[in-house]
C-alpha atoms as a PDB file:
ATOM      1  CA  MET A   1     200.778  92.966 209.094  1.00  0.00           C
ATOM      2  CA  ALA A   2     197.991  91.273 207.243  1.00  0.00           C
ATOM      3  CA  LYS A   3     198.251  91.123 203.504  1.00  0.00           C
ATOM      4  CA  LYS A   4     195.652  92.986 201.568  1.00  0.00           C
ATOM      5  CA  LYS A   5     193.451  90.806 199.476  1.00  0.00           C
ATOM      6  CA  LYS A   6     193.819  91.433 195.811  1.00  0.00           C
ATOM      7  CA  SER A   7     190.739  92.964 194.306  1.00  0.00           C
ATOM      8  CA  VAL A   8     189.556  91.015 191.320  1.00  0.00           C
ATOM      9  CA  TYR A   9     187.497  92.852 188.691  1.00  0.00           C
ATOM     10  CA  LYS A  10     184.257  91.139 187.969  1.00  0.00           C
ATOM     11  CA  PRO A  11     182.289  92.479 185.002  1.00  0.00           C
ATOM     12  CA  PRO A  12     178.650  93.185 185.737  1.00  0.00           C
ATOM     13  CA  LYS A  13     176.266  90.503 184.695  1.00  0.00           C
ATOM     14  CA  SER A  14     174.844  91.369 181.329  1.00  0.00           C
ATOM     15  CA  SER A  15     171.114  91.844 181.221  1.00  0.00           C
ATOM     16  CA  ASN A  16     169.096  90.008 178.586  1.00  0.00           C
ATOM     17  CA  LYS A  17     166.310  92.547 178.876  1.00  0.00           C
ATOM     18  CA  GLY A  18     167.704  95.016 176.315  1.00  0.00           C
ATOM     19  CA  PHE A  19     168.520  92.239 173.873  1.00  0.00           C
ATOM     20  CA  ILE A  20     165.009  90.854 174.115  1.00  0.00           C
ATOM     21  CA  ILE A  21     163.512  94.302 173.454  1.00  0.00           C
ATOM     22  CA  VAL A  22     165.648  94.731 170.321  1.00  0.00           C
ATOM     23  CA  ILE A  23     164.696  91.304 168.966  1.00  0.00           C
ATOM     24  CA  ALA A  24     161.024  91.936 169.702  1.00  0.00           C
ATOM     25  CA  SER A  25     161.177  95.267 167.884  1.00  0.00           C
ATOM     26  CA  ILE A  26     162.736  93.609 164.851  1.00  0.00           C
ATOM     27  CA  PHE A  27     159.973  91.004 164.798  1.00  0.00           C
ATOM     28  CA  VAL A  28     157.304  93.732 164.998  1.00  0.00           C
ATOM     29  CA  ILE A  29     158.870  95.648 162.084  1.00  0.00           C
ATOM     30  CA  VAL A  30     159.219  92.514 159.945  1.00  0.00           C
ATOM     31  CA  ALA A  31     155.624  91.505 160.679  1.00  0.00           C
ATOM     32  CA  ALA A  32     154.384  94.964 159.703  1.00  0.00           C
ATOM     33  CA  LEU A  33     156.304  94.818 156.431  1.00  0.00           C
ATOM     34  CA  LEU A  34     154.907  91.388 155.651  1.00  0.00           C
ATOM     35  CA  ILE A  35     151.357  92.650 156.248  1.00  0.00           C
ATOM     36  CA  ILE A  36     151.916  95.621 153.913  1.00  0.00           C
ATOM     37  CA  ILE A  37     153.372  93.376 151.207  1.00  0.00           C
ATOM     38  CA  SER A  38     150.549  90.883 151.631  1.00  0.00           C
ATOM     39  CA  ASN A  39     147.926  93.618 151.282  1.00  0.00           C
ATOM     40  CA  GLN A  40     149.514  94.790 148.069  1.00  0.00           C
ATOM     41  CA  GLU A  41     149.599  91.380 146.418  1.00  0.00           C
ATOM     42  CA  GLY A  42     146.875  90.895 143.865  1.00  0.00           C
ATOM     43  CA  LYS A  43     145.819  94.530 144.204  1.00  0.00           C
ATOM     44  CA  GLN A  44     145.321  96.440 140.964  1.00  0.00           C
ATOM     45  CA  PRO A  45     147.517  99.506 140.701  1.00  0.00           C
ATOM     46  CA  GLU A  46     145.794 102.853 140.997  1.00  0.00           C
ATOM     47  CA  THR A  47     143.681 103.696 137.983  1.00  0.00           C
ATOM     48  CA  GLY A  48     145.827 104.857 135.158  1.00  0.00           C
ATOM     49  CA  SER A  49     149.005 103.419 136.606  1.00  0.00           C
ATOM     50  CA  ASP A  50     151.110 101.438 134.187  1.00  0.00           C
ATOM     51  CA  GLY A  51     153.095  99.791 136.958  1.00  0.00           C
ATOM     52  CA  ASN A  52     152.521  96.320 135.568  1.00  0.00           C
ATOM     53  CA  ASN A  53     151.321  97.321 132.080  1.00  0.00           C
ATOM     54  CA  GLN A  54     148.103  95.435 132.776  1.00  0.00           C
ATOM     55  CA  GLU A  55     146.180  94.356 129.709  1.00  0.00           C
ATOM     56  CA  ILE A  56     142.379  94.477 129.648  1.00  0.00           C
ATOM     57  CA  GLU A  57     140.099  92.995 127.019  1.00  0.00           C
ATOM     58  CA  VAL A  58     137.639  95.505 125.601  1.00  0.00           C
ATOM     59  CA  THR A  59     134.650  95.255 123.270  1.00  0.00           C
ATOM     60  CA  TYR A  60     134.861  98.379 121.122  1.00  0.00           C
ATOM     61  CA  GLU A  61     131.849  97.712 118.924  1.00  0.00           C
ATOM     62  CA  GLY A  62     128.714  99.657 119.792  1.00  0.00           C
ATOM     63  CA  GLN A  63     130.498 102.043 122.163  1.00  0.00           C
ATOM     64  CA  PRO A  64     130.730 105.840 121.837  1.00  0.00           C
ATOM     65  CA  THR A  65     133.938 106.444 119.897  1.00  0.00           C
ATOM     66  CA  VAL A  66     135.746 109.431 118.392  1.00  0.00           C
ATOM     67  CA  GLY A  67     138.497 109.377 115.778  1.00  0.00           C
ATOM     68  CA  GLU A  68     139.262 107.609 112.539  1.00  0.00           C
ATOM     69  CA  GLU A  69     138.170 103.977 112.357  1.00  0.00           C
ATOM     70  CA  ASP A  70     141.528 102.913 110.907  1.00  0.00           C
ATOM     71  CA  ALA A  71     143.616 104.837 113.455  1.00  0.00           C
ATOM     72  CA  PRO A  72     146.590 102.664 114.490  1.00  0.00           C
ATOM     73  CA  VAL A  73     146.127 103.391 118.201  1.00  0.00           C
ATOM     74  CA  LYS A  74     142.972 102.375 120.051  1.00  0.00           C
ATOM     75  CA  MET A  75     142.333 104.155 123.344  1.00  0.00           C
ATOM     76  CA  VAL A  76     139.668 103.670 126.011  1.00  0.00           C
ATOM     77  CA  GLU A  77     138.457 105.733 128.933  1.00  0.00           C
ATOM     78  CA  PHE A  78     136.507 103.997 131.675  1.00  0.00           C
ATOM     79  CA  PHE A  79     134.612 106.757 133.482  1.00  0.00           C
ATOM     80  CA  ASP A  80     131.722 107.622 135.777  1.00  0.00           C
ATOM     81  CA  PHE A  81     129.670 110.771 135.167  1.00  0.00           C
ATOM     82  CA  LYS A  82     129.770 111.468 138.928  1.00  0.00           C
ATOM     83  CA  CYS A  83     133.553 111.103 139.215  1.00  0.00           C
ATOM     84  CA  PRO A  84     135.256 114.490 139.853  1.00  0.00           C
ATOM     85  CA  HIS A  85     138.573 113.119 138.567  1.00  0.00           C
ATOM     86  CA  CYS A  86     136.840 112.256 135.301  1.00  0.00           C
ATOM     87  CA  ALA A  87     135.725 115.868 135.031  1.00  0.00           C
ATOM     88  CA  GLU A  88     139.312 116.991 135.558  1.00  0.00           C
ATOM     89  CA  PHE A  89     140.506 114.547 132.919  1.00  0.00           C
ATOM     90  CA  ALA A  90     137.881 115.737 130.441  1.00  0.00           C
ATOM     91  CA  GLU A  91     138.864 119.353 130.991  1.00  0.00           C
ATOM     92  CA  GLN A  92     142.640 119.111 131.244  1.00  0.00           C
ATOM     93  CA  VAL A  93     143.901 115.939 129.551  1.00  0.00           C
ATOM     94  CA  TYR A  94     141.422 114.814 126.916  1.00  0.00           C
ATOM     95  CA  PRO A  95     141.746 118.051 124.869  1.00  0.00           C
ATOM     96  CA  GLN A  96     145.491 117.363 124.532  1.00  0.00           C
ATOM     97  CA  ILE A  97     144.871 113.799 123.385  1.00  0.00           C
ATOM     98  CA  LYS A  98     142.261 114.992 120.910  1.00  0.00           C
ATOM     99  CA  ALA A  99     144.450 117.722 119.420  1.00  0.00           C
ATOM    100  CA  ASP A 100     147.638 115.671 119.212  1.00  0.00           C
ATOM    101  CA  TYR A 101     146.373 112.245 118.248  1.00  0.00           C
ATOM    102  CA  ILE A 102     142.628 111.964 117.575  1.00  0.00           C
ATOM    103  CA  ASP A 103     142.254 114.933 115.248  1.00  0.00           C
ATOM    104  CA  THR A 104     145.418 113.910 113.411  1.00  0.00           C
ATOM    105  CA  GLY A 105     144.102 110.405 112.704  1.00  0.00           C
ATOM    106  CA  LYS A 106     146.690 108.664 114.887  1.00  0.00           C
ATOM    107  CA  ALA A 107     144.343 107.488 117.631  1.00  0.00           C
ATOM    108  CA  GLN A 108     140.742 106.537 118.153  1.00  0.00           C
ATOM    109  CA  MET A 109     139.170 106.786 121.606  1.00  0.00           C
ATOM    110  CA  THR A 110     136.263 104.793 123.019  1.00  0.00           C
ATOM    111  CA  PHE A 111     134.292 105.766 126.134  1.00  0.00           C
ATOM    112  CA  ILE A 112     132.914 103.076 128.435  1.00  0.00           C
ATOM    113  CA  ASN A 113     130.859 103.962 131.469  1.00  0.00           C
ATOM    114  CA  LYS A 114     131.665 102.453 134.851  1.00  0.00           C
ATOM    115  CA  PRO A 115     128.640 103.475 136.945  1.00  0.00           C
ATOM    116  CA  PHE A 116     129.825 102.681 140.451  1.00  0.00           C
ATOM    117  CA  MET A 117     129.605 105.857 142.543  1.00  0.00           C
ATOM    118  CA  GLY A 118     125.901 105.614 143.234  1.00  0.00           C
ATOM    119  CA  ALA A 119     122.535 104.581 141.823  1.00  0.00           C
ATOM    120  CA  ASP A 120     122.382 107.876 139.945  1.00  0.00           C
ATOM    121  CA  SER A 121     125.630 106.982 138.181  1.00  0.00           C
ATOM    122  CA  SER A 122     123.560 104.363 136.399  1.00  0.00           C
ATOM    123  CA  THR A 123     120.890 106.973 135.660  1.00  0.00           C
ATOM    124  CA  ALA A 124     123.467 109.217 134.007  1.00  0.00           C
ATOM    125  CA  ALA A 125     124.759 106.241 132.047  1.00  0.00           C
ATOM    126  CA  LEU A 126     121.223 105.312 130.966  1.00  0.00           C
ATOM    127  CA  VAL A 127     120.452 108.813 129.685  1.00  0.00           C
ATOM    128  CA  GLY A 128     123.748 108.706 127.801  1.00  0.00           C
ATOM    129  CA  GLU A 129     122.912 105.366 126.186  1.00  0.00           C
ATOM    130  CA  ALA A 130     119.437 106.572 125.197  1.00  0.00           C
ATOM    131  CA  LEU A 131     120.927 109.703 123.670  1.00  0.00           C
ATOM    132  CA  PHE A 132     123.589 107.666 121.875  1.00  0.00           C
ATOM    133  CA  ALA A 133     120.872 105.453 120.397  1.00  0.00           C
ATOM    134  CA  GLN A 134     119.059 108.505 119.055  1.00  0.00           C
ATOM    135  CA  LYS A 135     122.071 110.484 117.821  1.00  0.00           C
ATOM    136  CA  PRO A 136     125.527 108.870 118.264  1.00  0.00           C
ATOM    137  CA  ASP A 137     127.413 112.008 117.236  1.00  0.00           C
ATOM    138  CA  ALA A 138     125.830 113.921 120.125  1.00  0.00           C
ATOM    139  CA  TYR A 139     127.225 111.634 122.833  1.00  0.00           C
ATOM    140  CA  MET A 140     130.413 113.603 123.421  1.00  0.00           C
ATOM    141  CA  GLU A 141     128.385 116.777 123.843  1.00  0.00           C
ATOM    142  CA  TYR A 142     126.420 115.009 126.581  1.00  0.00           C
ATOM    143  CA  TYR A 143     129.690 113.697 128.078  1.00  0.00           C
ATOM    144  CA  ASP A 144     131.065 117.240 128.364  1.00  0.00           C
ATOM    145  CA  LEU A 145     127.758 118.698 129.507  1.00  0.00           C
ATOM    146  CA  VAL A 146     127.251 116.331 132.434  1.00  0.00           C
ATOM    147  CA  LEU A 147     130.870 116.432 133.611  1.00  0.00           C
ATOM    148  CA  GLU A 148     130.816 120.238 133.510  1.00  0.00           C
ATOM    149  CA  ASN A 149     127.627 120.312 135.591  1.00  0.00           C
ATOM    150  CA  GLN A 150     128.560 117.777 138.250  1.00  0.00           C
ATOM    151  CA  GLY A 151     127.122 118.078 141.734  1.00  0.00           C
ATOM    152  CA  ASP A 152     128.564 116.835 145.007  1.00  0.00           C
ATOM    153  CA  PRO A 153     129.850 113.266 144.395  1.00  0.00           C
ATOM    154  CA  ASN A 154     128.426 112.260 147.781  1.00  0.00           C
ATOM    155  CA  GLU A 155     124.917 113.338 146.820  1.00  0.00           C
ATOM    156  CA  ALA A 156     122.432 111.802 144.382  1.00  0.00           C
ATOM    157  CA  TRP A 157     122.354 114.791 142.041  1.00  0.00           C
ATOM    158  CA  ALA A 158     122.262 112.905 138.703  1.00  0.00           C
ATOM    159  CA  SER A 159     118.521 112.304 138.703  1.00  0.00           C
ATOM    160  CA  GLU A 160     116.537 111.594 135.546  1.00  0.00           C
ATOM    161  CA  GLU A 161     114.753 114.927 135.939  1.00  0.00           C
ATOM    162  CA  PHE A 162     117.998 116.892 136.236  1.00  0.00           C
ATOM    163  CA  LEU A 163     119.717 115.135 133.340  1.00  0.00           C
ATOM    164  CA  VAL A 164     116.794 115.307 130.925  1.00  0.00           C
ATOM    165  CA  SER A 165     116.344 118.983 131.770  1.00  0.00           C
ATOM    166  CA  LEU A 166     120.056 119.560 131.194  1.00  0.00           C
ATOM    167  CA  VAL A 167     119.821 117.946 127.758  1.00  0.00           C
ATOM    168  CA  GLU A 168     116.645 119.821 126.864  1.00  0.00           C
ATOM    169  CA  LYS A 169     118.168 123.203 127.730  1.00  0.00           C
ATOM    170  CA  ASN A 170     121.512 122.664 126.045  1.00  0.00           C
ATOM    171  CA  MET A 171     121.113 120.127 123.230  1.00  0.00           C
ATOM    172  CA  LYS A 172     118.512 121.499 120.837  1.00  0.00           C
ATOM    173  CA  ASP A 173     118.815 118.696 118.261  1.00  0.00           C
ATOM    174  CA  ILE A 174     117.637 115.996 120.677  1.00  0.00           C
ATOM    175  CA  ASP A 175     114.050 114.762 120.667  1.00  0.00           C
ATOM    176  CA  ILE A 176     113.289 114.757 124.397  1.00  0.00           C
ATOM    177  CA  GLU A 177     110.190 112.570 124.148  1.00  0.00           C
ATOM    178  CA  GLN A 178     112.147 110.013 122.142  1.00  0.00           C
ATOM    179  CA  LEU A 179     114.914 110.210 124.753  1.00  0.00           C
ATOM    180  CA  LYS A 180     112.449 109.392 127.532  1.00  0.00           C
ATOM    181  CA  THR A 181     110.991 106.517 125.512  1.00  0.00           C
ATOM    182  CA  ASP A 182     114.425 105.069 124.790  1.00  0.00           C
ATOM    183  CA  MET A 183     115.306 105.208 128.478  1.00  0.00           C
ATOM    184  CA  GLU A 184     112.554 102.646 129.076  1.00  0.00           C
ATOM    185  CA  ASP A 185     113.808 100.365 126.299  1.00  0.00           C
ATOM    186  CA  GLN A 186     115.097  97.107 127.761  1.00  0.00           C
ATOM    187  CA  ALA A 187     117.862  96.783 125.165  1.00  0.00           C
ATOM    188  CA  ILE A 188     119.218 100.202 126.121  1.00  0.00           C
ATOM    189  CA  ARG A 189     119.010  99.386 129.822  1.00  0.00           C
ATOM    190  CA  GLU A 190     120.967  96.214 129.116  1.00  0.00           C
ATOM    191  CA  LYS A 191     123.703  98.352 127.544  1.00  0.00           C
ATOM    192  CA  VAL A 192     124.266  99.996 130.927  1.00  0.00           C
ATOM    193  CA  GLU A 193     124.647  96.586 132.525  1.00  0.00           C
ATOM    194  CA  GLN A 194     126.984  95.428 129.765  1.00  0.00           C
ATOM    195  CA  ASP A 195     129.194  98.442 130.404  1.00  0.00           C
ATOM    196  CA  ARG A 196     129.114  97.713 134.121  1.00  0.00           C
ATOM    197  CA  GLN A 197     130.357  94.187 133.457  1.00  0.00           C
ATOM    198  CA  GLU A 198     132.904  95.347 130.879  1.00  0.00           C
ATOM    199  CA  SER A 199     134.316  97.880 133.322  1.00  0.00           C
ATOM    200  CA  SER A 200     134.561  95.421 136.215  1.00  0.00           C
ATOM    201  CA  ALA A 201     138.144  94.764 135.119  1.00  0.00           C
ATOM    202  CA  VAL A 202     139.124  98.167 136.532  1.00  0.00           C
ATOM    203  CA  GLU A 203     138.668  99.454 140.056  1.00  0.00           C
ATOM    204  CA  SER A 204     138.358 103.192 139.697  1.00  0.00           C
ATOM    205  CA  THR A 205     137.871 106.057 137.282  1.00  0.00           C
ATOM    206  CA  PRO A 206     139.178 107.423 135.095  1.00  0.00           C
ATOM    207  CA  THR A 207     141.170 104.485 133.772  1.00  0.00           C
ATOM    208  CA  ILE A 208     142.887 104.923 130.414  1.00  0.00           C
ATOM    209  CA  LEU A 209     143.958 102.156 128.048  1.00  0.00           C
ATOM    210  CA  VAL A 210     146.272 102.457 125.069  1.00  0.00           C
ATOM    211  CA  ASN A 211     145.923  99.437 122.788  1.00  0.00           C
ATOM    212  CA  GLY A 212     144.405  97.516 125.662  1.00  0.00           C
ATOM    213  CA  LYS A 213     147.067  98.394 128.263  1.00  0.00           C
ATOM    214  CA  MET A 214     146.548 100.578 131.322  1.00  0.00           C
ATOM    215  CA  VAL A 215     148.626 103.744 131.366  1.00  0.00           C
ATOM    216  CA  ASP A 216     149.350 106.494 133.845  1.00  0.00           C
ATOM    217  CA  LEU A 217     146.986 109.453 133.696  1.00  0.00           C
ATOM    218  CA  ASP A 218     149.765 112.020 133.451  1.00  0.00           C
ATOM    219  CA  TYR A 219     149.746 113.205 129.837  1.00  0.00           C
ATOM    220  CA  GLU A 220     153.432 113.938 129.360  1.00  0.00           C
ATOM    221  CA  ASN A 221     154.814 111.049 131.388  1.00  0.00           C
ATOM    222  CA  GLY A 222     152.157 108.393 130.897  1.00  0.00           C
ATOM    223  CA  ILE A 223     149.650 108.753 128.081  1.00  0.00           C
ATOM    224  CA  LYS A 224     151.791 110.461 125.457  1.00  0.00           C
ATOM    225  CA  PRO A 225     154.792 108.061 125.723  1.00  0.00           C
ATOM    226  CA  ALA A 226     152.394 105.083 125.590  1.00  0.00           C
ATOM    227  CA  ILE A 227     150.746 106.416 122.425  1.00  0.00           C
ATOM    228  CA  GLU A 228     154.107 107.141 120.802  1.00  0.00           C
ATOM    229  CA  LYS A 229     155.290 103.639 121.621  1.00  0.00           C
ATOM    230  CA  ALA A 230     152.106 102.159 120.161  1.00  0.00           C
ATOM    231  CA  LEU A 231     152.595 104.221 116.994  1.00  0.00           C
ATOM    232  CA  GLU A 232     156.163 102.958 116.651  1.00  0.00           C
ATOM    233  CA  GLU A 233     155.003  99.364 117.050  1.00  0.00           C
ATOM    234  CA  ALA A 234     152.278  99.920 114.442  1.00  0.00           C
ATOM    235  CA  ASN A 235     154.876 101.159 111.952  1.00  0.00           C
ATOM    236  CA  GLU A 236     157.286  98.252 112.443  1.00  0.00           C
END
């Protein structure tokens, strides 16, 4: 009787296909992460973010400002009259800052226009500068008036005709003919360009600075703590 041959177990040959797919997937994921990181490098944080506590040099002189001159905290808002987020800030956040810190003499706030949302952003800025030249104390009334009467940010609603009419109907102490004359003044037009250059350090609006440092737009978790910290440092 013939002996049965012993069966010898031979493991199946392993396939490299699955291993290659895994490695390739890892490379794709790593590459994607590197692209994301690379895109973030050198990019300014969102306006108002204090992620890196970025400092920005500001020229305060000659700008619309509210608050006591000797207030220990100096604040800045970079804004565009066409920016809907600026309108929200003016309605919801600025009143808190004013009540808690500006009216109490703890902070002074300067407003610098960043006209970047359209050609009519510059028109709104120009009317504001002409009005400021005629009656500086009336600037904040104009600020509120235009932001409250914003049109579609994608449309060129801030025309000279609309803005001058808005001022004429709502700001009785303004000499409209003088306003129109001042809008043609080269020195006033240059102020708009100066603001444009000054605001080039930020990418969007509104951007808020507390003693030259960008802060988050959230009042309770960004602006207020930054002001309190600045007050503590001023008292040291």
